[in-house]
Amino acid sequence: MNHPLYRITAFEQVGPYSLRLHFNDGLARTVDFEAVLEGELYSPLRDPVAFAQVALDPEVHTVVWPCGADFDPATLHNWPEHEAAFRAAAARWSRANANA
């Protein structure tokens, strides 16, 4: 089975929690991460200063943050297919933190 390997080649921050991502197959996609920034790994990125520290990792070809957060480039490439699941997980993480 042949699966395409997507790599992010460039990005720019276009909003407080939004990135315009450019992929090796020519696709450019804007992803608004605000609704998924919950949980231990992603909630530090709710701080706009922390979110703005995003960088492109030259080895794994995806966006990464100093706190250790990252996203699979294939997930970001196909974001419309994955966004609902990420939003649902973020809602669960938020509720778990509220009950802790």
C-alpha atoms as a PDB file:
ATOM      1  CA  MET A   1       0.000   0.000   0.000  1.00  0.00           C
ATOM      2  CA  ASN A   2       1.407   3.386  -0.980  1.00  0.00           C
ATOM      3  CA  HIS A   3       0.814   6.329   1.367  1.00  0.00           C
ATOM      4  CA  PRO A   4       1.982   9.799   0.403  1.00  0.00           C
ATOM      5  CA  LEU A   5       4.485  11.410   2.770  1.00  0.00           C
ATOM      6  CA  TYR A   6       3.521  14.995   3.379  1.00  0.00           C
ATOM      7  CA  ARG A   7       6.046  17.529   4.543  1.00  0.00           C
ATOM      8  CA  ILE A   8       5.541  21.118   5.522  1.00  0.00           C
ATOM      9  CA  THR A   9       7.941  23.237   3.484  1.00  0.00           C
ATOM     10  CA  ALA A  10       7.027  26.678   4.859  1.00  0.00           C
ATOM     11  CA  PHE A  11       4.500  28.414   7.087  1.00  0.00           C
ATOM     12  CA  GLU A  12       3.414  31.830   8.248  1.00  0.00           C
ATOM     13  CA  GLN A  13       1.352  32.864  11.233  1.00  0.00           C
ATOM     14  CA  VAL A  14      -1.793  34.540   9.908  1.00  0.00           C
ATOM     15  CA  GLY A  15      -3.757  34.986  13.151  1.00  0.00           C
ATOM     16  CA  PRO A  16      -3.346  34.610  16.901  1.00  0.00           C
ATOM     17  CA  TYR A  17      -3.713  30.809  16.640  1.00  0.00           C
ATOM     18  CA  SER A  18      -3.715  30.311  12.862  1.00  0.00           C
ATOM     19  CA  LEU A  19      -0.968  29.136  10.541  1.00  0.00           C
ATOM     20  CA  ARG A  20      -0.851  29.074   6.763  1.00  0.00           C
ATOM     21  CA  LEU A  21       0.969  25.830   5.970  1.00  0.00           C
ATOM     22  CA  HIS A  22       2.659  25.004   2.657  1.00  0.00           C
ATOM     23  CA  PHE A  23       3.192  21.341   1.779  1.00  0.00           C
ATOM     24  CA  ASN A  24       5.580  19.522  -0.523  1.00  0.00           C
ATOM     25  CA  ASP A  25       2.740  18.572  -2.892  1.00  0.00           C
ATOM     26  CA  GLY A  26       1.840  22.227  -3.516  1.00  0.00           C
ATOM     27  CA  LEU A  27      -1.134  22.393  -1.146  1.00  0.00           C
ATOM     28  CA  ALA A  28      -1.435  25.466   1.066  1.00  0.00           C
ATOM     29  CA  ARG A  29      -3.867  25.249   3.983  1.00  0.00           C
ATOM     30  CA  THR A  30      -4.769  27.617   6.802  1.00  0.00           C
ATOM     31  CA  VAL A  31      -5.374  25.887  10.130  1.00  0.00           C
ATOM     32  CA  ASP A  32      -6.925  27.666  13.114  1.00  0.00           C
ATOM     33  CA  PHE A  33      -5.683  25.750  16.152  1.00  0.00           C
ATOM     34  CA  GLU A  34      -7.555  27.749  18.823  1.00  0.00           C
ATOM     35  CA  ALA A  35     -10.294  25.161  19.431  1.00  0.00           C
ATOM     36  CA  VAL A  36      -7.811  22.302  19.939  1.00  0.00           C
ATOM     37  CA  LEU A  37      -5.387  23.988  22.337  1.00  0.00           C
ATOM     38  CA  GLU A  38      -6.337  22.018  25.436  1.00  0.00           C
ATOM     39  CA  GLY A  39      -4.700  19.330  27.500  1.00  0.00           C
ATOM     40  CA  GLU A  40      -1.253  18.986  28.942  1.00  0.00           C
ATOM     41  CA  LEU A  41       0.584  19.171  25.618  1.00  0.00           C
ATOM     42  CA  TYR A  42      -1.364  21.859  23.751  1.00  0.00           C
ATOM     43  CA  SER A  43      -2.815  24.178  26.431  1.00  0.00           C
ATOM     44  CA  PRO A  44       0.480  26.088  26.893  1.00  0.00           C
ATOM     45  CA  LEU A  45      -0.038  27.315  23.318  1.00  0.00           C
ATOM     46  CA  ARG A  46      -3.113  29.288  24.408  1.00  0.00           C
ATOM     47  CA  ASP A  47      -0.569  31.927  25.405  1.00  0.00           C
ATOM     48  CA  PRO A  48      -0.145  33.938  22.188  1.00  0.00           C
ATOM     49  CA  VAL A  49       3.556  34.472  22.933  1.00  0.00           C
ATOM     50  CA  ALA A  50       4.090  30.704  23.268  1.00  0.00           C
ATOM     51  CA  PHE A  51       2.080  29.997  20.099  1.00  0.00           C
ATOM     52  CA  ALA A  52       4.194  32.515  18.169  1.00  0.00           C
ATOM     53  CA  GLN A  53       7.329  30.497  19.018  1.00  0.00           C
ATOM     54  CA  VAL A  54       6.334  27.986  16.330  1.00  0.00           C
ATOM     55  CA  ALA A  55       9.146  26.714  14.139  1.00  0.00           C
ATOM     56  CA  LEU A  56       9.585  24.332  11.241  1.00  0.00           C
ATOM     57  CA  ASP A  57      11.502  21.227  12.276  1.00  0.00           C
ATOM     58  CA  PRO A  58      13.877  20.424   9.400  1.00  0.00           C
ATOM     59  CA  GLU A  59      14.108  16.745  10.343  1.00  0.00           C
ATOM     60  CA  VAL A  60      10.430  15.803  10.704  1.00  0.00           C
ATOM     61  CA  HIS A  61       9.098  18.543   8.383  1.00  0.00           C
ATOM     62  CA  THR A  62       6.307  19.772  10.605  1.00  0.00           C
ATOM     63  CA  VAL A  63       5.569  22.707  12.876  1.00  0.00           C
ATOM     64  CA  VAL A  64       6.845  22.374  16.438  1.00  0.00           C
ATOM     65  CA  TRP A  65       6.882  24.457  19.613  1.00  0.00           C
ATOM     66  CA  PRO A  66       9.478  24.653  22.414  1.00  0.00           C
ATOM     67  CA  CYS A  67       6.994  23.087  24.883  1.00  0.00           C
ATOM     68  CA  GLY A  68       7.158  19.845  22.859  1.00  0.00           C
ATOM     69  CA  ALA A  69       3.860  20.246  21.014  1.00  0.00           C
ATOM     70  CA  ASP A  70       3.678  19.281  17.368  1.00  0.00           C
ATOM     71  CA  PHE A  71       1.248  17.849  14.829  1.00  0.00           C
ATOM     72  CA  ASP A  72       1.762  15.115  12.259  1.00  0.00           C
ATOM     73  CA  PRO A  73       2.184  16.808   8.874  1.00  0.00           C
ATOM     74  CA  ALA A  74      -0.225  14.298   7.278  1.00  0.00           C
ATOM     75  CA  THR A  75      -2.872  15.252   9.838  1.00  0.00           C
ATOM     76  CA  LEU A  76      -2.385  18.930   9.038  1.00  0.00           C
ATOM     77  CA  HIS A  77      -2.408  18.242   5.291  1.00  0.00           C
ATOM     78  CA  ASN A  78      -5.775  16.503   5.678  1.00  0.00           C
ATOM     79  CA  TRP A  79      -7.025  18.768   8.495  1.00  0.00           C
ATOM     80  CA  PRO A  80     -10.698  18.829   7.401  1.00  0.00           C
ATOM     81  CA  GLU A  81     -10.802  15.054   7.926  1.00  0.00           C
ATOM     82  CA  HIS A  82      -9.238  15.269  11.420  1.00  0.00           C
ATOM     83  CA  GLU A  83     -10.468  18.559  12.880  1.00  0.00           C
ATOM     84  CA  ALA A  84     -13.668  17.174  14.452  1.00  0.00           C
ATOM     85  CA  ALA A  85     -11.739  14.446  16.287  1.00  0.00           C
ATOM     86  CA  PHE A  86      -9.202  16.964  17.593  1.00  0.00           C
ATOM     87  CA  ARG A  87     -11.997  19.281  18.750  1.00  0.00           C
ATOM     88  CA  ALA A  88     -13.720  16.396  20.550  1.00  0.00           C
ATOM     89  CA  ALA A  89     -10.476  15.368  22.247  1.00  0.00           C
ATOM     90  CA  ALA A  90      -9.816  18.977  23.292  1.00  0.00           C
ATOM     91  CA  ALA A  91     -13.292  19.176  24.824  1.00  0.00           C
ATOM     92  CA  ARG A  92     -12.618  15.989  26.820  1.00  0.00           C
ATOM     93  CA  TRP A  93      -9.248  17.326  27.986  1.00  0.00           C
ATOM     94  CA  SER A  94     -10.862  20.610  29.020  1.00  0.00           C
ATOM     95  CA  ARG A  95     -13.573  18.825  31.026  1.00  0.00           C
ATOM     96  CA  ALA A  96     -10.977  16.577  32.686  1.00  0.00           C
ATOM     97  CA  ASN A  97      -8.955  19.626  33.756  1.00  0.00           C
ATOM     98  CA  ALA A  98     -12.085  21.339  35.093  1.00  0.00           C
ATOM     99  CA  ASN A  99     -12.917  18.285  37.206  1.00  0.00           C
ATOM    100  CA  ALA A 100      -9.366  17.854  38.528  1.00  0.00           C
END
